[in-house]
Amino acid sequence: MDKGIAFVDYQVCMACGVCIQACPFSYLELNKTDVDSLHKAYPALLPNHKCNGCGLCATACPVDCITFHQ
């Protein structure tokens, strides 16, 4: 069931990595960003990989920061 592509709301994300462990395709990785002053590593899609929209990452997220867009 394709829900679209996963997007992470970095203003809500805790950078816990639970979504990465939940992805059965290993399409996510933690990347350092300049989103905040702490320079945490946040989940991001791997280059050259297309999210298949299974939704397992969003289901696993403890703060519901993952949404899907077409």
Protein backbone atom coordinates (compact mmCIF):
# COMPACT_ATOMS: atom_id res chain seq x y z
CA MET A 1 0.00 0.00 0.00
CA ASP A 2 1.83 3.08 -1.30
CA LYS A 3 1.10 6.13 0.87
CA GLY A 4 3.65 8.31 -0.92
CA ILE A 5 7.11 9.32 0.25
CA ALA A 6 8.02 9.74 3.93
CA PHE A 7 8.85 13.22 5.17
CA VAL A 8 10.20 14.01 8.63
CA ASP A 9 9.17 17.11 10.58
CA TYR A 10 12.56 18.04 12.04
CA GLN A 11 10.95 20.51 14.45
CA VAL A 12 9.29 17.54 16.20
CA CYS A 13 11.80 14.73 15.54
CA MET A 14 13.86 13.59 18.55
CA ALA A 15 16.54 11.96 16.36
CA CYS A 16 16.00 8.69 18.22
CA GLY A 17 16.49 6.40 15.18
CA VAL A 18 13.46 4.18 15.86
CA CYS A 19 12.15 4.82 12.33
CA ILE A 20 15.44 3.64 10.85
CA GLN A 21 15.19 0.35 12.71
CA ALA A 22 11.56 -0.03 11.61
CA CYS A 23 12.22 0.41 7.87
CA PRO A 24 12.28 -3.10 6.37
CA PHE A 25 14.09 -1.82 3.26
CA SER A 26 16.88 0.13 5.04
CA TYR A 27 16.01 3.27 3.05
CA LEU A 28 16.63 5.61 5.99
CA GLU A 29 19.86 6.69 7.65
CA LEU A 30 20.83 9.25 10.27
CA ASN A 31 22.37 12.36 8.73
CA LYS A 32 23.85 15.36 10.49
CA THR A 33 21.97 18.51 9.54
CA ASP A 34 21.91 22.18 10.40
CA VAL A 35 18.26 21.95 11.45
CA ASP A 36 19.06 22.98 15.01
CA SER A 37 21.95 24.31 17.02
CA LEU A 38 22.73 20.84 18.42
CA HIS A 39 23.47 19.47 14.94
CA LYS A 40 21.77 16.17 15.73
CA ALA A 41 21.69 13.35 13.22
CA TYR A 42 18.18 13.11 11.81
CA PRO A 43 16.57 10.43 9.64
CA ALA A 44 16.76 10.99 5.89
CA LEU A 45 16.13 8.87 2.82
CA LEU A 46 19.26 7.38 1.33
CA PRO A 47 20.25 8.86 -2.03
CA ASN A 48 18.98 6.88 -5.02
CA HIS A 49 16.32 5.11 -2.92
CA LYS A 50 12.61 5.75 -3.24
CA CYS A 51 10.44 5.24 -0.19
CA ASN A 52 7.78 2.66 -1.01
CA GLY A 53 5.29 4.16 1.45
CA CYS A 54 4.77 1.12 3.65
CA GLY A 55 4.28 3.36 6.71
CA LEU A 56 6.22 1.25 9.20
CA CYS A 57 8.56 4.11 10.05
CA ALA A 58 5.64 6.41 10.86
CA THR A 59 3.95 3.73 12.94
CA ALA A 60 7.14 3.21 14.97
CA CYS A 61 7.82 6.92 15.54
CA PRO A 62 7.14 7.82 19.20
CA VAL A 63 6.40 11.49 18.39
CA ASP A 64 4.43 11.09 15.13
CA CYS A 65 6.74 13.34 13.13
CA ILE A 66 6.63 11.31 9.89
CA THR A 67 4.01 12.04 7.25
CA PHE A 68 3.60 10.90 3.66
CA HIS A 69 3.21 12.99 0.53
CA GLN A 70 2.70 11.98 -3.09
